[in-house]
Amino acid sequence: MAIIITDECINCGACEPECPNNAIYEGAMGWKMSEGTKVKGMFDLMNGSKVQADQEQEPISDDVYFIVPDKCTECKGFHEEPQCAAVCPVDCCVPDDDHVESEEELLEKQAKLHKED
């Protein structure tokens, strides 16, 4: 499953540079599938919709840092544990029950986000 940042977040920003997929953004910031990945052109999101990789998307949260579920792989393929959770001083990076994925699915997502053309 993806990781989510709860509203207990103190906006310290410790998590953002640790994400190998660039899936973490400051509250109220737009995001793109192409940022921190090798994704180009059209990309199929988990909800079935399609987005242009370089098109800015609406923020998921306006108040605290947020994680884009379509980019979160729980650091599978990079690290043994989610790095955001490892560095969070208030333990607000927790599993997202709304985006449950198996380890195999997370590794497939990681490969899709970072495949070479």
PDB file of N, CA and C in Angstrom:
ATOM      1  N   MET A   1       0.832  -1.180   0.000  1.00  0.00           N
ATOM      2  CA  MET A   1       0.000   0.000   0.000  1.00  0.00           C
ATOM      3  C   MET A   1       0.869   1.232   0.000  1.00  0.00           C
ATOM      4  N   ALA A   2       0.321   2.306  -0.427  1.00  0.00           N
ATOM      5  CA  ALA A   2       1.044   3.572  -0.403  1.00  0.00           C
ATOM      6  C   ALA A   2       1.116   4.088   1.034  1.00  0.00           C
ATOM      7  N   ILE A   3       1.914   5.085   1.223  1.00  0.00           N
ATOM      8  CA  ILE A   3       2.035   5.760   2.511  1.00  0.00           C
ATOM      9  C   ILE A   3       1.249   7.063   2.422  1.00  0.00           C
ATOM     10  N   ILE A   4       0.673   7.481   3.531  1.00  0.00           N
ATOM     11  CA  ILE A   4      -0.060   8.741   3.607  1.00  0.00           C
ATOM     12  C   ILE A   4       0.531   9.565   4.748  1.00  0.00           C
ATOM     13  N   ILE A   5       0.473  10.872   4.611  1.00  0.00           N
ATOM     14  CA  ILE A   5       0.923  11.767   5.677  1.00  0.00           C
ATOM     15  C   ILE A   5      -0.325  12.280   6.383  1.00  0.00           C
ATOM     16  N   THR A   6      -0.395  12.047   7.681  1.00  0.00           N
ATOM     17  CA  THR A   6      -1.580  12.448   8.445  1.00  0.00           C
ATOM     18  C   THR A   6      -1.547  13.934   8.777  1.00  0.00           C
ATOM     19  N   ASP A   7      -2.651  14.426   9.292  1.00  0.00           N
ATOM     20  CA  ASP A   7      -2.728  15.849   9.633  1.00  0.00           C
ATOM     21  C   ASP A   7      -1.943  16.202  10.900  1.00  0.00           C
ATOM     22  N   GLU A   8      -1.266  15.222  11.488  1.00  0.00           N
ATOM     23  CA  GLU A   8      -0.342  15.509  12.589  1.00  0.00           C
ATOM     24  C   GLU A   8       0.986  16.059  12.075  1.00  0.00           C
ATOM     25  N   CYS A   9       1.146  16.104  10.755  1.00  0.00           N
ATOM     26  CA  CYS A   9       2.374  16.606  10.131  1.00  0.00           C
ATOM     27  C   CYS A   9       2.686  18.014  10.638  1.00  0.00           C
ATOM     28  N   ILE A  10       3.957  18.242  10.965  1.00  0.00           N
ATOM     29  CA  ILE A  10       4.388  19.564  11.444  1.00  0.00           C
ATOM     30  C   ILE A  10       5.060  20.369  10.332  1.00  0.00           C
ATOM     31  N   ASN A  11       4.975  19.869   9.094  1.00  0.00           N
ATOM     32  CA  ASN A  11       5.534  20.555   7.922  1.00  0.00           C
ATOM     33  C   ASN A  11       7.031  20.823   8.041  1.00  0.00           C
ATOM     34  N   CYS A  12       7.762  19.876   8.607  1.00  0.00           N
ATOM     35  CA  CYS A  12       9.209  20.060   8.760  1.00  0.00           C
ATOM     36  C   CYS A  12       9.948  19.826   7.448  1.00  0.00           C
ATOM     37  N   GLY A  13       9.364  19.020   6.551  1.00  0.00           N
ATOM     38  CA  GLY A  13       9.984  18.755   5.266  1.00  0.00           C
ATOM     39  C   GLY A  13      11.053  17.679   5.261  1.00  0.00           C
ATOM     40  N   ALA A  14      11.260  16.986   6.374  1.00  0.00           N
ATOM     41  CA  ALA A  14      12.303  15.960   6.437  1.00  0.00           C
ATOM     42  C   ALA A  14      12.061  14.827   5.446  1.00  0.00           C
ATOM     43  N   CYS A  15      10.824  14.528   5.176  1.00  0.00           N
ATOM     44  CA  CYS A  15      10.473  13.400   4.316  1.00  0.00           C
ATOM     45  C   CYS A  15      10.725  13.660   2.829  1.00  0.00           C
ATOM     46  N   GLU A  16      10.491  14.866   2.395  1.00  0.00           N
ATOM     47  CA  GLU A  16      10.501  15.184   0.960  1.00  0.00           C
ATOM     48  C   GLU A  16      11.782  14.769   0.234  1.00  0.00           C
ATOM     49  N   PRO A  17      12.973  15.135   0.721  1.00  0.00           N
ATOM     50  CA  PRO A  17      14.178  14.762  -0.023  1.00  0.00           C
ATOM     51  C   PRO A  17      14.526  13.272   0.051  1.00  0.00           C
ATOM     52  N   GLU A  18      13.874  12.540   0.944  1.00  0.00           N
ATOM     53  CA  GLU A  18      14.165  11.114   1.108  1.00  0.00           C
ATOM     54  C   GLU A  18      13.457  10.230   0.105  1.00  0.00           C
ATOM     55  N   CYS A  19      12.430  10.756  -0.560  1.00  0.00           N
ATOM     56  CA  CYS A  19      11.603   9.941  -1.451  1.00  0.00           C
ATOM     57  C   CYS A  19      12.298   9.697  -2.792  1.00  0.00           C
ATOM     58  N   PRO A  20      12.568   8.429  -3.140  1.00  0.00           N
ATOM     59  CA  PRO A  20      13.238   8.134  -4.410  1.00  0.00           C
ATOM     60  C   PRO A  20      12.349   8.325  -5.635  1.00  0.00           C
ATOM     61  N   ASN A  21      11.045   8.480  -5.422  1.00  0.00           N
ATOM     62  CA  ASN A  21      10.103   8.667  -6.527  1.00  0.00           C
ATOM     63  C   ASN A  21       9.617  10.105  -6.659  1.00  0.00           C
ATOM     64  N   ASN A  22      10.112  10.979  -5.797  1.00  0.00           N
ATOM     65  CA  ASN A  22       9.628  12.365  -5.756  1.00  0.00           C
ATOM     66  C   ASN A  22       8.097  12.380  -5.654  1.00  0.00           C
ATOM     67  N   ALA A  23       7.588  11.558  -4.733  1.00  0.00           N
ATOM     68  CA  ALA A  23       6.139  11.444  -4.538  1.00  0.00           C
ATOM     69  C   ALA A  23       5.629  12.353  -3.433  1.00  0.00           C
ATOM     70  N   ILE A  24       6.521  13.044  -2.726  1.00  0.00           N
ATOM     71  CA  ILE A  24       6.129  13.875  -1.591  1.00  0.00           C
ATOM     72  C   ILE A  24       6.231  15.345  -1.967  1.00  0.00           C
ATOM     73  N   TYR A  25       5.152  16.073  -1.671  1.00  0.00           N
ATOM     74  CA  TYR A  25       5.082  17.487  -2.020  1.00  0.00           C
ATOM     75  C   TYR A  25       4.603  18.308  -0.826  1.00  0.00           C
ATOM     76  N   GLU A  26       5.062  19.540  -0.773  1.00  0.00           N
ATOM     77  CA  GLU A  26       4.606  20.475   0.249  1.00  0.00           C
ATOM     78  C   GLU A  26       3.132  20.798   0.014  1.00  0.00           C
ATOM     79  N   GLY A  27       2.389  20.995   1.084  1.00  0.00           N
ATOM     80  CA  GLY A  27       0.976  21.323   0.975  1.00  0.00           C
ATOM     81  C   GLY A  27       0.740  22.477   0.012  1.00  0.00           C
ATOM     82  N   ALA A  28      -0.330  22.386  -0.761  1.00  0.00           N
ATOM     83  CA  ALA A  28      -0.770  23.385  -1.734  1.00  0.00           C
ATOM     84  C   ALA A  28       0.098  23.457  -2.988  1.00  0.00           C
ATOM     85  N   MET A  29       1.064  22.569  -3.124  1.00  0.00           N
ATOM     86  CA  MET A  29       1.924  22.557  -4.316  1.00  0.00           C
ATOM     87  C   MET A  29       1.359  21.582  -5.355  1.00  0.00           C
ATOM     88  N   GLY A  30       1.388  21.999  -6.618  1.00  0.00           N
ATOM     89  CA  GLY A  30       1.016  21.104  -7.698  1.00  0.00           C
ATOM     90  C   GLY A  30       2.096  20.044  -7.882  1.00  0.00           C
ATOM     91  N   TRP A  31       1.761  18.961  -8.562  1.00  0.00           N
ATOM     92  CA  TRP A  31       2.709  17.872  -8.780  1.00  0.00           C
ATOM     93  C   TRP A  31       2.572  17.341 -10.202  1.00  0.00           C
ATOM     94  N   LYS A  32       3.629  16.644 -10.639  1.00  0.00           N
ATOM     95  CA  LYS A  32       3.652  16.052 -11.973  1.00  0.00           C
ATOM     96  C   LYS A  32       4.167  14.619 -11.876  1.00  0.00           C
ATOM     97  N   MET A  33       3.624  13.739 -12.698  1.00  0.00           N
ATOM     98  CA  MET A  33       4.103  12.350 -12.747  1.00  0.00           C
ATOM     99  C   MET A  33       5.553  12.297 -13.197  1.00  0.00           C
ATOM    100  N   SER A  34       5.977  13.211 -14.030  1.00  0.00           N
ATOM    101  CA  SER A  34       7.330  13.182 -14.587  1.00  0.00           C
ATOM    102  C   SER A  34       8.411  13.579 -13.574  1.00  0.00           C
ATOM    103  N   GLU A  35       8.036  14.285 -12.522  1.00  0.00           N
ATOM    104  CA  GLU A  35       9.030  14.749 -11.547  1.00  0.00           C
ATOM    105  C   GLU A  35       9.597  13.576 -10.757  1.00  0.00           C
ATOM    106  N   GLY A  36      10.894  13.364 -10.874  1.00  0.00           N
ATOM    107  CA  GLY A  36      11.564  12.298 -10.142  1.00  0.00           C
ATOM    108  C   GLY A  36      11.384  10.914 -10.725  1.00  0.00           C
ATOM    109  N   THR A  37      10.772  10.827 -11.901  1.00  0.00           N
ATOM    110  CA  THR A  37      10.559   9.535 -12.559  1.00  0.00           C
ATOM    111  C   THR A  37      11.030   9.646 -14.010  1.00  0.00           C
ATOM    112  N   LYS A  38      10.900   8.565 -14.739  1.00  0.00           N
ATOM    113  CA  LYS A  38      11.218   8.575 -16.167  1.00  0.00           C
ATOM    114  C   LYS A  38       9.945   8.550 -17.010  1.00  0.00           C
ATOM    115  N   VAL A  39       8.810   8.804 -16.395  1.00  0.00           N
ATOM    116  CA  VAL A  39       7.519   8.778 -17.075  1.00  0.00           C
ATOM    117  C   VAL A  39       7.435   9.916 -18.093  1.00  0.00           C
ATOM    118  N   LYS A  40       6.976   9.567 -19.295  1.00  0.00           N
ATOM    119  CA  LYS A  40       6.781  10.535 -20.376  1.00  0.00           C
ATOM    120  C   LYS A  40       5.438  10.270 -21.029  1.00  0.00           C
ATOM    121  N   GLY A  41       4.882  11.297 -21.665  1.00  0.00           N
ATOM    122  CA  GLY A  41       3.629  11.132 -22.399  1.00  0.00           C
ATOM    123  C   GLY A  41       2.452  10.881 -21.476  1.00  0.00           C
ATOM    124  N   MET A  42       1.498  10.087 -21.946  1.00  0.00           N
ATOM    125  CA  MET A  42       0.305   9.779 -21.158  1.00  0.00           C
ATOM    126  C   MET A  42       0.625   8.690 -20.141  1.00  0.00           C
ATOM    127  N   PHE A  43       0.010   8.822 -18.952  1.00  0.00           N
ATOM    128  CA  PHE A  43       0.235   7.858 -17.879  1.00  0.00           C
ATOM    129  C   PHE A  43      -1.109   7.466 -17.294  1.00  0.00           C
ATOM    130  N   ASP A  44      -1.311   6.162 -17.072  1.00  0.00           N
ATOM    131  CA  ASP A  44      -2.548   5.651 -16.483  1.00  0.00           C
ATOM    132  C   ASP A  44      -2.430   5.681 -14.962  1.00  0.00           C
ATOM    133  N   LEU A  45      -3.316   6.448 -14.321  1.00  0.00           N
ATOM    134  CA  LEU A  45      -3.344   6.512 -12.865  1.00  0.00           C
ATOM    135  C   LEU A  45      -4.086   5.302 -12.299  1.00  0.00           C
ATOM    136  N   MET A  46      -3.921   5.065 -11.004  1.00  0.00           N
ATOM    137  CA  MET A  46      -4.550   3.922 -10.351  1.00  0.00           C
ATOM    138  C   MET A  46      -6.078   3.978 -10.424  1.00  0.00           C
ATOM    139  N   ASN A  47      -6.652   5.174 -10.499  1.00  0.00           N
ATOM    140  CA  ASN A  47      -8.109   5.300 -10.545  1.00  0.00           C
ATOM    141  C   ASN A  47      -8.667   5.101 -11.957  1.00  0.00           C
ATOM    142  N   GLY A  48      -7.795   4.791 -12.906  1.00  0.00           N
ATOM    143  CA  GLY A  48      -8.219   4.534 -14.278  1.00  0.00           C
ATOM    144  C   GLY A  48      -8.150   5.738 -15.197  1.00  0.00           C
ATOM    145  N   SER A  49      -7.943   6.920 -14.647  1.00  0.00           N
ATOM    146  CA  SER A  49      -7.835   8.100 -15.503  1.00  0.00           C
ATOM    147  C   SER A  49      -6.423   8.204 -16.069  1.00  0.00           C
ATOM    148  N   LYS A  50      -6.295   9.025 -17.088  1.00  0.00           N
ATOM    149  CA  LYS A  50      -5.008   9.229 -17.739  1.00  0.00           C
ATOM    150  C   LYS A  50      -4.588  10.675 -17.544  1.00  0.00           C
ATOM    151  N   VAL A  51      -3.283  10.891 -17.373  1.00  0.00           N
ATOM    152  CA  VAL A  51      -2.748  12.247 -17.264  1.00  0.00           C
ATOM    153  C   VAL A  51      -1.521  12.366 -18.145  1.00  0.00           C
ATOM    154  N   GLN A  52      -1.256  13.563 -18.573  1.00  0.00           N
ATOM    155  CA  GLN A  52      -0.019  13.859 -19.280  1.00  0.00           C
ATOM    156  C   GLN A  52       1.072  13.966 -18.217  1.00  0.00           C
ATOM    157  N   ALA A  53       2.187  13.278 -18.413  1.00  0.00           N
ATOM    158  CA  ALA A  53       3.239  13.208 -17.400  1.00  0.00           C
ATOM    159  C   ALA A  53       3.749  14.575 -16.973  1.00  0.00           C
ATOM    160  N   ASP A  54       3.823  15.519 -17.904  1.00  0.00           N
ATOM    161  CA  ASP A  54       4.351  16.850 -17.589  1.00  0.00           C
ATOM    162  C   ASP A  54       3.268  17.855 -17.194  1.00  0.00           C
ATOM    163  N   GLN A  55       2.023  17.406 -17.123  1.00  0.00           N
ATOM    164  CA  GLN A  55       0.929  18.307 -16.760  1.00  0.00           C
ATOM    165  C   GLN A  55       0.831  18.416 -15.240  1.00  0.00           C
ATOM    166  N   GLU A  56       0.796  19.664 -14.748  1.00  0.00           N
ATOM    167  CA  GLU A  56       0.692  19.859 -13.303  1.00  0.00           C
ATOM    168  C   GLU A  56      -0.689  19.442 -12.808  1.00  0.00           C
ATOM    169  N   GLN A  57      -0.692  18.678 -11.721  1.00  0.00           N
ATOM    170  CA  GLN A  57      -1.916  18.187 -11.103  1.00  0.00           C
ATOM    171  C   GLN A  57      -2.223  18.987  -9.839  1.00  0.00           C
ATOM    172  N   GLU A  58      -3.476  18.958  -9.427  1.00  0.00           N
ATOM    173  CA  GLU A  58      -3.906  19.680  -8.237  1.00  0.00           C
ATOM    174  C   GLU A  58      -3.282  19.063  -6.976  1.00  0.00           C
ATOM    175  N   PRO A  59      -2.980  19.891  -5.981  1.00  0.00           N
ATOM    176  CA  PRO A  59      -2.457  19.363  -4.718  1.00  0.00           C
ATOM    177  C   PRO A  59      -3.461  18.420  -4.060  1.00  0.00           C
ATOM    178  N   ILE A  60      -2.961  17.430  -3.350  1.00  0.00           N
ATOM    179  CA  ILE A  60      -3.817  16.506  -2.613  1.00  0.00           C
ATOM    180  C   ILE A  60      -4.174  17.103  -1.253  1.00  0.00           C
ATOM    181  N   SER A  61      -3.311  17.945  -0.724  1.00  0.00           N
ATOM    182  CA  SER A  61      -3.563  18.639   0.543  1.00  0.00           C
ATOM    183  C   SER A  61      -3.106  20.082   0.414  1.00  0.00           C
ATOM    184  N   ASP A  62      -3.851  20.967   1.026  1.00  0.00           N
ATOM    185  CA  ASP A  62      -3.453  22.373   1.042  1.00  0.00           C
ATOM    186  C   ASP A  62      -2.718  22.745   2.319  1.00  0.00           C
ATOM    187  N   ASP A  63      -2.814  21.905   3.346  1.00  0.00           N
ATOM    188  CA  ASP A  63      -2.310  22.269   4.664  1.00  0.00           C
ATOM    189  C   ASP A  63      -0.981  21.624   5.052  1.00  0.00           C
ATOM    190  N   VAL A  64      -0.808  20.350   4.717  1.00  0.00           N
ATOM    191  CA  VAL A  64       0.403  19.633   5.124  1.00  0.00           C
ATOM    192  C   VAL A  64       1.022  18.939   3.917  1.00  0.00           C
ATOM    193  N   TYR A  65       2.254  18.477   4.085  1.00  0.00           N
ATOM    194  CA  TYR A  65       2.897  17.691   3.042  1.00  0.00           C
ATOM    195  C   TYR A  65       1.988  16.522   2.672  1.00  0.00           C
ATOM    196  N   PHE A  66       2.083  16.074   1.418  1.00  0.00           N
ATOM    197  CA  PHE A  66       1.262  14.949   0.977  1.00  0.00           C
ATOM    198  C   PHE A  66       2.079  14.034   0.079  1.00  0.00           C
ATOM    199  N   ILE A  67       1.610  12.801  -0.040  1.00  0.00           N
ATOM    200  CA  ILE A  67       2.249  11.790  -0.883  1.00  0.00           C
ATOM    201  C   ILE A  67       1.280  11.432  -2.007  1.00  0.00           C
ATOM    202  N   VAL A  68       1.769  11.464  -3.233  1.00  0.00           N
ATOM    203  CA  VAL A  68       0.963  11.076  -4.393  1.00  0.00           C
ATOM    204  C   VAL A  68       0.948   9.544  -4.459  1.00  0.00           C
ATOM    205  N   PRO A  69      -0.217   8.920  -4.234  1.00  0.00           N
ATOM    206  CA  PRO A  69      -0.270   7.455  -4.213  1.00  0.00           C
ATOM    207  C   PRO A  69       0.207   6.804  -5.506  1.00  0.00           C
ATOM    208  N   ASP A  70      -0.032   7.453  -6.635  1.00  0.00           N
ATOM    209  CA  ASP A  70       0.378   6.892  -7.920  1.00  0.00           C
ATOM    210  C   ASP A  70       1.896   6.870  -8.091  1.00  0.00           C
ATOM    211  N   LYS A  71       2.611   7.595  -7.256  1.00  0.00           N
ATOM    212  CA  LYS A  71       4.074   7.615  -7.333  1.00  0.00           C
ATOM    213  C   LYS A  71       4.735   6.887  -6.168  1.00  0.00           C
ATOM    214  N   CYS A  72       3.969   6.587  -5.116  1.00  0.00           N
ATOM    215  CA  CYS A  72       4.534   5.955  -3.922  1.00  0.00           C
ATOM    216  C   CYS A  72       4.686   4.452  -4.127  1.00  0.00           C
ATOM    217  N   THR A  73       5.894   3.954  -3.891  1.00  0.00           N
ATOM    218  CA  THR A  73       6.162   2.517  -3.962  1.00  0.00           C
ATOM    219  C   THR A  73       6.615   1.979  -2.607  1.00  0.00           C
ATOM    220  N   GLU A  74       6.398   2.751  -1.547  1.00  0.00           N
ATOM    221  CA  GLU A  74       6.885   2.412  -0.211  1.00  0.00           C
ATOM    222  C   GLU A  74       8.392   2.164  -0.246  1.00  0.00           C
ATOM    223  N   CYS A  75       9.066   2.772  -1.192  1.00  0.00           N
ATOM    224  CA  CYS A  75      10.517   2.662  -1.403  1.00  0.00           C
ATOM    225  C   CYS A  75      10.945   1.272  -1.870  1.00  0.00           C
ATOM    226  N   LYS A  76       9.981   0.416  -2.259  1.00  0.00           N
ATOM    227  CA  LYS A  76      10.333  -0.911  -2.786  1.00  0.00           C
ATOM    228  C   LYS A  76      11.198  -0.711  -4.033  1.00  0.00           C
ATOM    229  N   GLY A  77      12.232  -1.523  -4.138  1.00  0.00           N
ATOM    230  CA  GLY A  77      13.159  -1.403  -5.251  1.00  0.00           C
ATOM    231  C   GLY A  77      14.291  -0.431  -4.974  1.00  0.00           C
ATOM    232  N   PHE A  78      14.194   0.296  -3.859  1.00  0.00           N
ATOM    233  CA  PHE A  78      15.227   1.259  -3.480  1.00  0.00           C
ATOM    234  C   PHE A  78      15.772   0.995  -2.071  1.00  0.00           C
ATOM    235  N   HIS A  79      14.860   0.808  -1.112  1.00  0.00           N
ATOM    236  CA  HIS A  79      15.234   0.682   0.301  1.00  0.00           C
ATOM    237  C   HIS A  79      14.418  -0.427   0.969  1.00  0.00           C
ATOM    238  N   GLU A  80      14.848  -0.833   2.148  1.00  0.00           N
ATOM    239  CA  GLU A  80      14.164  -1.882   2.893  1.00  0.00           C
ATOM    240  C   GLU A  80      12.874  -1.406   3.548  1.00  0.00           C
ATOM    241  N   GLU A  81      12.767  -0.095   3.808  1.00  0.00           N
ATOM    242  CA  GLU A  81      11.588   0.456   4.464  1.00  0.00           C
ATOM    243  C   GLU A  81      11.282   1.828   3.881  1.00  0.00           C
ATOM    244  N   PRO A  82      10.051   2.299   4.036  1.00  0.00           N
ATOM    245  CA  PRO A  82       9.711   3.638   3.549  1.00  0.00           C
ATOM    246  C   PRO A  82      10.572   4.690   4.244  1.00  0.00           C
ATOM    247  N   GLN A  83      11.305   5.435   3.469  1.00  0.00           N
ATOM    248  CA  GLN A  83      12.233   6.415   4.030  1.00  0.00           C
ATOM    249  C   GLN A  83      11.525   7.594   4.677  1.00  0.00           C
ATOM    250  N   CYS A  84      10.353   7.957   4.177  1.00  0.00           N
ATOM    251  CA  CYS A  84       9.605   9.062   4.794  1.00  0.00           C
ATOM    252  C   CYS A  84       9.259   8.722   6.235  1.00  0.00           C
ATOM    253  N   ALA A  85       8.799   7.488   6.461  1.00  0.00           N
ATOM    254  CA  ALA A  85       8.445   7.061   7.812  1.00  0.00           C
ATOM    255  C   ALA A  85       9.679   6.972   8.699  1.00  0.00           C
ATOM    256  N   ALA A  86      10.794   6.558   8.113  1.00  0.00           N
ATOM    257  CA  ALA A  86      12.027   6.406   8.888  1.00  0.00           C
ATOM    258  C   ALA A  86      12.554   7.734   9.422  1.00  0.00           C
ATOM    259  N   VAL A  87      12.356   8.821   8.671  1.00  0.00           N
ATOM    260  CA  VAL A  87      12.905  10.117   9.095  1.00  0.00           C
ATOM    261  C   VAL A  87      11.876  11.037   9.750  1.00  0.00           C
ATOM    262  N   CYS A  88      10.611  10.687   9.727  1.00  0.00           N
ATOM    263  CA  CYS A  88       9.567  11.568  10.259  1.00  0.00           C
ATOM    264  C   CYS A  88       9.679  11.689  11.780  1.00  0.00           C
ATOM    265  N   PRO A  89       9.856  12.908  12.280  1.00  0.00           N
ATOM    266  CA  PRO A  89      10.016  13.084  13.729  1.00  0.00           C
ATOM    267  C   PRO A  89       8.724  12.924  14.528  1.00  0.00           C
ATOM    268  N   VAL A  90       7.574  12.951  13.864  1.00  0.00           N
ATOM    269  CA  VAL A  90       6.305  12.828  14.587  1.00  0.00           C
ATOM    270  C   VAL A  90       5.499  11.594  14.158  1.00  0.00           C
ATOM    271  N   ASP A  91       6.118  10.700  13.413  1.00  0.00           N
ATOM    272  CA  ASP A  91       5.490   9.443  12.989  1.00  0.00           C
ATOM    273  C   ASP A  91       4.138   9.638  12.299  1.00  0.00           C
ATOM    274  N   CYS A  92       4.084  10.605  11.376  1.00  0.00           N
ATOM    275  CA  CYS A  92       2.823  10.840  10.669  1.00  0.00           C
ATOM    276  C   CYS A  92       2.804  10.239   9.271  1.00  0.00           C
ATOM    277  N   CYS A  93       3.850   9.526   8.873  1.00  0.00           N
ATOM    278  CA  CYS A  93       3.871   8.822   7.594  1.00  0.00           C
ATOM    279  C   CYS A  93       3.472   7.373   7.876  1.00  0.00           C
ATOM    280  N   VAL A  94       2.239   7.039   7.525  1.00  0.00           N
ATOM    281  CA  VAL A  94       1.661   5.741   7.890  1.00  0.00           C
ATOM    282  C   VAL A  94       1.067   5.070   6.653  1.00  0.00           C
ATOM    283  N   PRO A  95       0.821   3.752   6.716  1.00  0.00           N
ATOM    284  CA  PRO A  95       0.187   3.071   5.582  1.00  0.00           C
ATOM    285  C   PRO A  95      -1.173   3.677   5.250  1.00  0.00           C
ATOM    286  N   ASP A  96      -1.452   3.777   3.959  1.00  0.00           N
ATOM    287  CA  ASP A  96      -2.700   4.348   3.453  1.00  0.00           C
ATOM    288  C   ASP A  96      -3.664   3.210   3.146  1.00  0.00           C
ATOM    289  N   ASP A  97      -4.649   3.006   4.018  1.00  0.00           N
ATOM    290  CA  ASP A  97      -5.608   1.913   3.844  1.00  0.00           C
ATOM    291  C   ASP A  97      -6.459   2.050   2.588  1.00  0.00           C
ATOM    292  N   ASP A  98      -6.495   3.247   1.996  1.00  0.00           N
ATOM    293  CA  ASP A  98      -7.265   3.448   0.775  1.00  0.00           C
ATOM    294  C   ASP A  98      -6.500   3.051  -0.486  1.00  0.00           C
ATOM    295  N   HIS A  99      -5.205   2.758  -0.354  1.00  0.00           N
ATOM    296  CA  HIS A  99      -4.371   2.383  -1.499  1.00  0.00           C
ATOM    297  C   HIS A  99      -3.504   1.179  -1.127  1.00  0.00           C
ATOM    298  N   VAL A 100      -4.143   0.026  -1.006  1.00  0.00           N
ATOM    299  CA  VAL A 100      -3.466  -1.199  -0.610  1.00  0.00           C
ATOM    300  C   VAL A 100      -2.901  -1.894  -1.844  1.00  0.00           C
ATOM    301  N   GLU A 101      -1.593  -2.179  -1.807  1.00  0.00           N
ATOM    302  CA  GLU A 101      -0.918  -2.868  -2.908  1.00  0.00           C
ATOM    303  C   GLU A 101       0.022  -3.911  -2.329  1.00  0.00           C
ATOM    304  N   SER A 102       0.179  -5.012  -3.040  1.00  0.00           N
ATOM    305  CA  SER A 102       1.113  -6.056  -2.615  1.00  0.00           C
ATOM    306  C   SER A 102       2.537  -5.619  -2.925  1.00  0.00           C
ATOM    307  N   GLU A 103       3.499  -6.322  -2.376  1.00  0.00           N
ATOM    308  CA  GLU A 103       4.899  -6.020  -2.670  1.00  0.00           C
ATOM    309  C   GLU A 103       5.160  -6.159  -4.170  1.00  0.00           C
ATOM    310  N   GLU A 104       4.571  -7.173  -4.790  1.00  0.00           N
ATOM    311  CA  GLU A 104       4.737  -7.372  -6.234  1.00  0.00           C
ATOM    312  C   GLU A 104       4.193  -6.183  -7.018  1.00  0.00           C
ATOM    313  N   GLU A 105       3.012  -5.692  -6.630  1.00  0.00           N
ATOM    314  CA  GLU A 105       2.425  -4.534  -7.307  1.00  0.00           C
ATOM    315  C   GLU A 105       3.285  -3.279  -7.125  1.00  0.00           C
ATOM    316  N   LEU A 106       3.836  -3.106  -5.925  1.00  0.00           N
ATOM    317  CA  LEU A 106       4.697  -1.949  -5.669  1.00  0.00           C
ATOM    318  C   LEU A 106       5.967  -2.019  -6.509  1.00  0.00           C
ATOM    319  N   LEU A 107       6.544  -3.211  -6.648  1.00  0.00           N
ATOM    320  CA  LEU A 107       7.745  -3.371  -7.473  1.00  0.00           C
ATOM    321  C   LEU A 107       7.428  -3.140  -8.954  1.00  0.00           C
ATOM    322  N   GLU A 108       6.245  -3.575  -9.394  1.00  0.00           N
ATOM    323  CA  GLU A 108       5.825  -3.316 -10.777  1.00  0.00           C
ATOM    324  C   GLU A 108       5.662  -1.819 -11.008  1.00  0.00           C
ATOM    325  N   LYS A 109       5.087  -1.116 -10.032  1.00  0.00           N
ATOM    326  CA  LYS A 109       4.921   0.327 -10.144  1.00  0.00           C
ATOM    327  C   LYS A 109       6.292   1.006 -10.193  1.00  0.00           C
ATOM    328  N   GLN A 110       7.201   0.565  -9.345  1.00  0.00           N
ATOM    329  CA  GLN A 110       8.555   1.140  -9.327  1.00  0.00           C
ATOM    330  C   GLN A 110       9.206   0.959 -10.694  1.00  0.00           C
ATOM    331  N   ALA A 111       9.085  -0.222 -11.282  1.00  0.00           N
ATOM    332  CA  ALA A 111       9.672  -0.468 -12.603  1.00  0.00           C
ATOM    333  C   ALA A 111       9.018   0.409 -13.663  1.00  0.00           C
ATOM    334  N   LYS A 112       7.707   0.602 -13.590  1.00  0.00           N
ATOM    335  CA  LYS A 112       6.970   1.430 -14.552  1.00  0.00           C
ATOM    336  C   LYS A 112       7.397   2.902 -14.441  1.00  0.00           C
ATOM    337  N   LEU A 113       7.607   3.367 -13.217  1.00  0.00           N
ATOM    338  CA  LEU A 113       7.998   4.763 -12.999  1.00  0.00           C
ATOM    339  C   LEU A 113       9.427   5.048 -13.435  1.00  0.00           C
ATOM    340  N   HIS A 114      10.275   4.022 -13.420  1.00  0.00           N
ATOM    341  CA  HIS A 114      11.699   4.264 -13.649  1.00  0.00           C
ATOM    342  C   HIS A 114      12.281   3.471 -14.821  1.00  0.00           C
ATOM    343  N   LYS A 115      11.432   2.934 -15.687  1.00  0.00           N
ATOM    344  CA  LYS A 115      11.943   2.157 -16.814  1.00  0.00           C
ATOM    345  C   LYS A 115      12.635   3.059 -17.821  1.00  0.00           C
ATOM    346  N   GLU A 116      13.671   2.534 -18.378  1.00  0.00           N
ATOM    347  CA  GLU A 116      14.419   3.241 -19.423  1.00  0.00           C
ATOM    348  C   GLU A 116      13.717   3.047 -20.747  1.00  0.00           C
ATOM    349  N   ASP A 117      13.701   4.075 -21.572  1.00  0.00           N
ATOM    350  CA  ASP A 117      13.093   3.958 -22.901  1.00  0.00           C
ATOM    351  C   ASP A 117      13.996   3.213 -23.851  1.00  0.00           C
TER     352      ASP A 117
END
